[in-house]
C-alpha cells in the first residue's frame, strides 16, 4: 500500500493530462473538419453564383470564356445579352443592353497567363 500512496497523484495527473490533451486534439480536429466543410461549401456556392477563380477562367476555351462574360453581363442587370462571335461581326463577341438602356458591345480577349500584352507607344 505504501507504493500506491506515493504513485496515485502522478497517475491521476497523467490521466488528467491525457484527458485534456485528447479533448484539445478532438476540438482541433473538429474545428479543422468544420472549416474544411465551410471552405468547400463557399467554393461550391461561388461556382453556382458564377464566380470563378482566375485559374478556372484561364483554363477556359474561347467560346466558354465568351459565355462566361455574357453570364456576368446578365448577372449585372444587362438585358438582351447574346453571344455574336462570328466572322464579319466587327470584333463583337457579346452584345446587349445596359440597365440604363444603352447598347453595349464587348470584344473578348483571353490571353495565356504567360503571354505578355504589348503596350502601344505614343
N, C-alpha and C. Protein backbone atom coordinates (compact mmCIF):
# COMPACT_ATOMS: atom_id res chain seq x y z
N UNK A 1 0.79 -1.20 0.00
CA UNK A 1 0.00 0.00 0.00
C UNK A 1 0.84 1.26 0.00
N UNK A 2 2.02 1.16 0.49
CA UNK A 2 2.88 2.31 0.53
C UNK A 2 3.23 2.78 -0.88
N UNK A 3 3.40 1.83 -1.79
CA UNK A 3 3.73 2.16 -3.16
C UNK A 3 2.61 2.95 -3.83
N UNK A 4 1.36 2.50 -3.67
CA UNK A 4 0.21 3.17 -4.30
C UNK A 4 0.01 4.57 -3.74
N UNK A 5 0.21 4.77 -2.47
CA UNK A 5 0.01 6.09 -1.88
C UNK A 5 1.05 7.09 -2.38
N UNK A 6 2.19 6.63 -2.84
CA UNK A 6 3.20 7.54 -3.39
C UNK A 6 3.00 7.80 -4.88
N UNK A 7 2.34 6.89 -5.58
CA UNK A 7 2.22 6.98 -7.03
C UNK A 7 0.89 7.60 -7.48
N UNK A 8 -0.19 7.47 -6.70
CA UNK A 8 -1.51 7.86 -7.18
C UNK A 8 -1.60 9.32 -7.63
N UNK A 9 -0.92 10.30 -7.02
CA UNK A 9 -1.04 11.68 -7.55
C UNK A 9 -0.48 11.80 -8.98
N UNK A 10 0.60 11.08 -9.26
CA UNK A 10 1.17 11.10 -10.60
C UNK A 10 0.27 10.38 -11.60
N UNK A 11 -0.33 9.29 -11.15
CA UNK A 11 -1.24 8.53 -12.01
C UNK A 11 -2.46 9.37 -12.36
N UNK A 12 -3.07 10.00 -11.39
CA UNK A 12 -4.24 10.86 -11.62
C UNK A 12 -3.83 12.06 -12.49
N UNK A 13 -2.64 12.64 -12.22
CA UNK A 13 -2.16 13.77 -13.04
C UNK A 13 -1.97 13.37 -14.49
N UNK A 14 -1.43 12.15 -14.71
CA UNK A 14 -1.25 11.66 -16.08
C UNK A 14 -2.57 11.45 -16.78
N UNK A 15 -3.55 10.86 -16.06
CA UNK A 15 -4.88 10.68 -16.64
C UNK A 15 -5.52 12.02 -16.99
N UNK A 16 -5.40 12.98 -16.06
CA UNK A 16 -5.97 14.30 -16.29
C UNK A 16 -5.30 14.98 -17.49
N UNK A 17 -3.97 14.90 -17.56
CA UNK A 17 -3.24 15.48 -18.69
C UNK A 17 -3.66 14.82 -20.00
N UNK A 18 -3.78 13.48 -20.01
CA UNK A 18 -4.21 12.75 -21.20
C UNK A 18 -5.62 13.15 -21.63
N UNK A 19 -6.52 13.32 -20.67
CA UNK A 19 -7.89 13.71 -20.99
C UNK A 19 -7.93 15.12 -21.58
N UNK A 20 -7.16 16.03 -21.01
CA UNK A 20 -7.13 17.40 -21.52
C UNK A 20 -6.50 17.44 -22.91
N UNK A 21 -5.40 16.70 -23.10
CA UNK A 21 -4.75 16.65 -24.41
C UNK A 21 -5.68 16.01 -25.45
N UNK A 22 -6.35 14.93 -25.08
CA UNK A 22 -7.29 14.28 -26.00
C UNK A 22 -8.45 15.19 -26.35
N UNK A 23 -8.97 15.90 -25.35
CA UNK A 23 -10.06 16.85 -25.62
C UNK A 23 -9.61 17.98 -26.52
N UNK A 24 -8.39 18.48 -26.30
CA UNK A 24 -7.86 19.53 -27.16
C UNK A 24 -7.66 19.06 -28.59
N UNK A 25 -7.13 17.83 -28.73
CA UNK A 25 -6.95 17.26 -30.07
C UNK A 25 -8.29 17.09 -30.76
N UNK A 26 -9.30 16.59 -30.03
CA UNK A 26 -10.63 16.41 -30.62
C UNK A 26 -11.22 17.74 -31.06
N UNK A 27 -11.08 18.78 -30.23
CA UNK A 27 -11.57 20.10 -30.61
C UNK A 27 -10.86 20.63 -31.85
N UNK A 28 -9.55 20.43 -31.93
CA UNK A 28 -8.78 20.88 -33.07
C UNK A 28 -9.23 20.17 -34.35
N UNK A 29 -9.38 18.84 -34.29
CA UNK A 29 -9.83 18.08 -35.46
C UNK A 29 -11.24 18.47 -35.88
N UNK A 30 -12.12 18.69 -34.91
CA UNK A 30 -13.48 19.10 -35.23
C UNK A 30 -13.49 20.47 -35.90
N UNK A 31 -12.69 21.38 -35.39
CA UNK A 31 -12.60 22.71 -35.98
C UNK A 31 -12.09 22.63 -37.41
N UNK A 32 -11.03 21.82 -37.64
CA UNK A 32 -10.49 21.67 -38.99
C UNK A 32 -11.53 21.08 -39.94
N UNK A 33 -12.30 20.12 -39.45
CA UNK A 33 -13.32 19.49 -40.27
C UNK A 33 -14.42 20.49 -40.63
N UNK A 34 -14.86 21.26 -39.66
CA UNK A 34 -15.91 22.26 -39.92
C UNK A 34 -15.40 23.32 -40.88
N UNK A 35 -14.18 23.79 -40.67
CA UNK A 35 -13.62 24.81 -41.56
C UNK A 35 -13.46 24.26 -42.98
N UNK A 36 -13.04 23.02 -43.11
CA UNK A 36 -12.89 22.41 -44.43
C UNK A 36 -14.23 22.30 -45.14
N UNK A 37 -15.26 21.88 -44.41
CA UNK A 37 -16.60 21.80 -44.98
C UNK A 37 -17.12 23.16 -45.38
N UNK A 38 -16.84 24.17 -44.57
CA UNK A 38 -17.26 25.53 -44.88
C UNK A 38 -16.54 26.04 -46.12
N UNK A 39 -15.25 25.73 -46.22
CA UNK A 39 -14.48 26.16 -47.39
C UNK A 39 -15.01 25.52 -48.66
N UNK A 40 -15.33 24.21 -48.60
CA UNK A 40 -15.91 23.54 -49.76
C UNK A 40 -17.26 24.14 -50.12
N UNK A 41 -18.10 24.40 -49.11
CA UNK A 41 -19.42 24.98 -49.36
C UNK A 41 -19.29 26.36 -50.00
N UNK A 42 -18.38 27.18 -49.49
CA UNK A 42 -18.19 28.52 -50.07
C UNK A 42 -17.72 28.42 -51.52
N UNK A 43 -16.83 27.49 -51.84
CA UNK A 43 -16.36 27.33 -53.21
C UNK A 43 -17.51 26.88 -54.12
N UNK A 44 -18.28 25.88 -53.67
CA UNK A 44 -19.41 25.41 -54.48
C UNK A 44 -20.44 26.52 -54.67
N UNK A 45 -20.68 27.30 -53.62
CA UNK A 45 -21.63 28.41 -53.71
C UNK A 45 -21.13 29.46 -54.69
N UNK A 46 -19.84 29.73 -54.67
CA UNK A 46 -19.26 30.72 -55.58
C UNK A 46 -19.37 30.24 -57.03
N UNK A 47 -19.13 28.95 -57.25
CA UNK A 47 -19.23 28.41 -58.61
C UNK A 47 -20.67 28.49 -59.10
N UNK A 48 -21.63 28.17 -58.23
CA UNK A 48 -23.04 28.26 -58.60
C UNK A 48 -23.44 29.71 -58.90
N UNK A 49 -22.85 30.65 -58.19
CA UNK A 49 -23.18 32.06 -58.38
C UNK A 49 -22.48 32.66 -59.59
N UNK A 50 -21.61 31.89 -60.23
CA UNK A 50 -20.95 32.37 -61.43
C UNK A 50 -19.56 32.93 -61.18
N UNK A 51 -19.10 32.91 -59.97
CA UNK A 51 -17.75 33.41 -59.70
C UNK A 51 -16.77 32.27 -59.91
N UNK A 52 -15.68 32.59 -60.54
CA UNK A 52 -14.65 31.59 -60.80
C UNK A 52 -13.32 32.13 -60.31
N UNK A 53 -12.43 31.22 -60.03
CA UNK A 53 -11.08 31.65 -59.70
C UNK A 53 -10.38 32.02 -61.00
N UNK A 54 -9.31 32.78 -60.88
CA UNK A 54 -8.56 33.18 -62.06
C UNK A 54 -8.00 31.97 -62.80
N UNK A 55 -7.60 30.96 -62.06
CA UNK A 55 -7.08 29.74 -62.70
C UNK A 55 -8.17 29.06 -63.51
N UNK A 56 -9.41 29.05 -63.01
CA UNK A 56 -10.52 28.45 -63.76
C UNK A 56 -10.82 29.25 -65.02
N UNK A 57 -10.76 30.57 -64.93
CA UNK A 57 -11.00 31.41 -66.11
C UNK A 57 -9.88 31.20 -67.12
N UNK A 58 -8.64 31.11 -66.66
CA UNK A 58 -7.51 30.90 -67.55
C UNK A 58 -7.63 29.58 -68.31
N UNK A 59 -8.26 28.58 -67.71
CA UNK A 59 -8.37 27.27 -68.34
C UNK A 59 -9.51 27.19 -69.36
N UNK A 60 -10.35 28.22 -69.45
CA UNK A 60 -11.50 28.19 -70.37
C UNK A 60 -11.05 28.33 -71.82
N UNK A 61 -11.81 27.68 -72.70
CA UNK A 61 -11.61 27.85 -74.14
C UNK A 61 -12.36 29.11 -74.58
N UNK A 62 -12.13 29.55 -75.81
CA UNK A 62 -12.72 30.79 -76.32
C UNK A 62 -14.23 30.91 -76.17
N UNK A 63 -15.02 29.99 -76.73
CA UNK A 63 -16.48 30.10 -76.62
C UNK A 63 -16.97 30.02 -75.17
N UNK A 64 -16.31 29.18 -74.37
CA UNK A 64 -16.69 29.08 -72.96
C UNK A 64 -16.42 30.40 -72.24
N UNK A 65 -15.31 31.06 -72.57
CA UNK A 65 -14.98 32.35 -71.98
C UNK A 65 -16.00 33.41 -72.39
N UNK A 66 -16.40 33.42 -73.67
CA UNK A 66 -17.41 34.38 -74.14
C UNK A 66 -18.74 34.15 -73.41
N UNK A 67 -19.11 32.88 -73.21
CA UNK A 67 -20.34 32.57 -72.48
C UNK A 67 -20.24 33.04 -71.04
N UNK A 68 -19.06 32.89 -70.43
CA UNK A 68 -18.83 33.35 -69.07
C UNK A 68 -19.01 34.87 -68.98
N UNK A 69 -18.46 35.60 -69.95
CA UNK A 69 -18.60 37.06 -69.98
C UNK A 69 -20.07 37.44 -70.16
N UNK A 70 -20.78 36.74 -71.03
CA UNK A 70 -22.21 37.02 -71.23
C UNK A 70 -23.00 36.76 -69.94
N UNK A 71 -22.68 35.70 -69.23
CA UNK A 71 -23.35 35.41 -67.96
C UNK A 71 -23.07 36.50 -66.92
N UNK A 72 -21.85 37.03 -66.91
CA UNK A 72 -21.53 38.13 -66.00
C UNK A 72 -22.37 39.36 -66.32
N UNK A 73 -22.55 39.63 -67.61
CA UNK A 73 -23.39 40.77 -68.01
C UNK A 73 -24.83 40.58 -67.55
N UNK A 74 -25.37 39.38 -67.73
CA UNK A 74 -26.74 39.11 -67.29
C UNK A 74 -26.85 39.25 -65.77
N UNK A 75 -25.85 38.75 -65.05
CA UNK A 75 -25.84 38.85 -63.60
C UNK A 75 -25.87 40.30 -63.13
N UNK A 76 -25.20 41.16 -63.89
CA UNK A 76 -25.10 42.57 -63.51
C UNK A 76 -26.24 43.43 -64.03
N UNK A 77 -27.30 42.80 -64.55
CA UNK A 77 -28.50 43.55 -64.90
C UNK A 77 -28.64 43.91 -66.36
N UNK A 78 -27.77 43.44 -67.22
CA UNK A 78 -27.90 43.73 -68.64
C UNK A 78 -29.00 42.85 -69.24
N UNK A 79 -29.64 43.37 -70.27
CA UNK A 79 -30.72 42.63 -70.93
C UNK A 79 -30.35 42.41 -72.38
N UNK A 80 -31.11 41.56 -73.04
CA UNK A 80 -30.90 41.24 -74.46
C UNK A 80 -29.45 40.81 -74.73
N UNK A 81 -28.84 40.13 -73.78
CA UNK A 81 -27.44 39.72 -73.92
C UNK A 81 -27.38 38.50 -74.82
N UNK A 82 -26.49 38.57 -75.81
CA UNK A 82 -26.31 37.42 -76.70
C UNK A 82 -24.87 37.36 -77.18
N UNK A 83 -24.43 36.15 -77.43
CA UNK A 83 -23.11 35.93 -77.99
C UNK A 83 -23.22 36.04 -79.50
N UNK A 84 -22.36 36.83 -80.10
CA UNK A 84 -22.42 37.02 -81.54
C UNK A 84 -21.08 36.77 -82.20
N UNK A 85 -20.16 36.15 -81.50
CA UNK A 85 -18.81 35.96 -82.01
C UNK A 85 -18.75 35.09 -83.25
N UNK A 86 -18.89 35.71 -84.41
CA UNK A 86 -18.78 35.01 -85.70
C UNK A 86 -17.87 35.84 -86.59
N UNK A 87 -17.62 35.33 -87.77
CA UNK A 87 -16.84 36.13 -88.71
C UNK A 87 -17.68 37.31 -89.20
N UNK A 88 -17.04 38.38 -89.53
CA UNK A 88 -17.67 39.62 -90.02
C UNK A 88 -18.61 40.23 -88.99
N UNK A 89 -18.25 40.15 -87.72
CA UNK A 89 -19.09 40.76 -86.69
C UNK A 89 -18.43 42.02 -86.12
N UNK A 90 -17.42 42.53 -86.82
CA UNK A 90 -16.68 43.73 -86.41
C UNK A 90 -16.02 43.55 -85.04
N UNK A 91 -15.65 42.32 -84.71
CA UNK A 91 -14.94 42.05 -83.46
C UNK A 91 -15.83 41.92 -82.24
N UNK A 92 -17.13 42.01 -82.41
CA UNK A 92 -18.04 41.90 -81.26
C UNK A 92 -18.23 40.43 -80.90
N UNK A 93 -18.11 40.13 -79.63
CA UNK A 93 -18.34 38.77 -79.15
C UNK A 93 -19.62 38.68 -78.32
N UNK A 94 -19.93 39.74 -77.59
CA UNK A 94 -21.13 39.78 -76.75
C UNK A 94 -21.80 41.14 -76.97
N UNK A 95 -23.10 41.11 -77.17
CA UNK A 95 -23.87 42.36 -77.30
C UNK A 95 -25.04 42.31 -76.34
N UNK A 96 -25.52 43.48 -75.97
CA UNK A 96 -26.66 43.55 -75.08
C UNK A 96 -27.00 44.98 -74.73
N UNK A 97 -27.91 45.13 -73.78
CA UNK A 97 -28.31 46.46 -73.31
C UNK A 97 -27.95 46.60 -71.84
N UNK A 98 -27.36 47.75 -71.52
CA UNK A 98 -27.04 48.07 -70.13
C UNK A 98 -28.32 48.38 -69.38
N UNK A 99 -28.30 48.33 -68.05
CA UNK A 99 -29.52 48.63 -67.28
C UNK A 99 -30.12 50.00 -67.58
N UNK A 100 -29.29 50.96 -68.02
CA UNK A 100 -29.84 52.29 -68.32
C UNK A 100 -30.31 52.42 -69.76
N UNK A 101 -30.30 51.32 -70.55
CA UNK A 101 -30.84 51.31 -71.90
C UNK A 101 -29.81 51.46 -73.00
N UNK A 102 -28.57 51.84 -72.67
CA UNK A 102 -27.55 51.98 -73.70
C UNK A 102 -27.13 50.62 -74.23
N UNK A 103 -26.70 50.60 -75.49
CA UNK A 103 -26.23 49.37 -76.11
C UNK A 103 -24.78 49.13 -75.72
N UNK A 104 -24.44 47.88 -75.47
CA UNK A 104 -23.04 47.54 -75.16
C UNK A 104 -22.56 46.50 -76.16
N UNK A 105 -21.28 46.60 -76.47
CA UNK A 105 -20.61 45.65 -77.34
C UNK A 105 -19.30 45.28 -76.66
N UNK A 106 -19.04 43.99 -76.51
CA UNK A 106 -17.83 43.52 -75.84
C UNK A 106 -17.03 42.66 -76.82
N UNK A 107 -15.75 42.95 -76.88
CA UNK A 107 -14.84 42.10 -77.63
C UNK A 107 -13.99 41.35 -76.61
N UNK A 108 -14.16 40.05 -76.55
CA UNK A 108 -13.46 39.24 -75.55
C UNK A 108 -12.06 38.92 -76.03
N UNK A 109 -11.11 39.13 -75.14
CA UNK A 109 -9.71 38.76 -75.40
C UNK A 109 -9.24 37.94 -74.22
N UNK A 110 -8.82 36.74 -74.50
CA UNK A 110 -8.34 35.88 -73.43
C UNK A 110 -6.95 35.40 -73.83
N UNK A 111 -5.97 35.96 -73.17
CA UNK A 111 -4.58 35.61 -73.46
C UNK A 111 -4.09 34.58 -72.47
N UNK A 112 -3.09 33.83 -72.87
CA UNK A 112 -2.43 32.88 -71.98
C UNK A 112 -1.82 33.65 -70.81
N UNK A 113 -1.85 33.09 -69.60
CA UNK A 113 -1.26 33.79 -68.45
C UNK A 113 0.23 34.08 -68.64
N UNK A 114 0.90 33.31 -69.50
CA UNK A 114 2.34 33.50 -69.70
C UNK A 114 2.64 34.52 -70.80
N UNK A 115 1.61 34.90 -71.56
CA UNK A 115 1.83 35.82 -72.67
C UNK A 115 1.81 37.26 -72.18
N UNK A 116 2.75 38.03 -72.64
CA UNK A 116 2.82 39.45 -72.30
C UNK A 116 1.97 40.23 -73.31
N UNK A 117 1.23 41.21 -72.82
CA UNK A 117 0.46 42.08 -73.69
C UNK A 117 1.31 43.31 -73.96
N UNK A 118 1.60 43.55 -75.23
CA UNK A 118 2.47 44.66 -75.58
C UNK A 118 1.72 45.97 -75.49
N UNK A 119 2.41 46.97 -74.98
CA UNK A 119 1.81 48.30 -74.90
C UNK A 119 2.13 49.05 -76.18
N UNK A 120 1.16 49.85 -76.60
CA UNK A 120 1.36 50.67 -77.78
C UNK A 120 2.07 51.95 -77.38
N UNK A 121 3.00 52.34 -78.17
CA UNK A 121 3.74 53.58 -77.92
C UNK A 121 2.97 54.78 -78.43
N UNK A 122 3.30 55.98 -77.95
CA UNK A 122 2.60 57.19 -78.43
C UNK A 122 2.94 57.54 -79.85
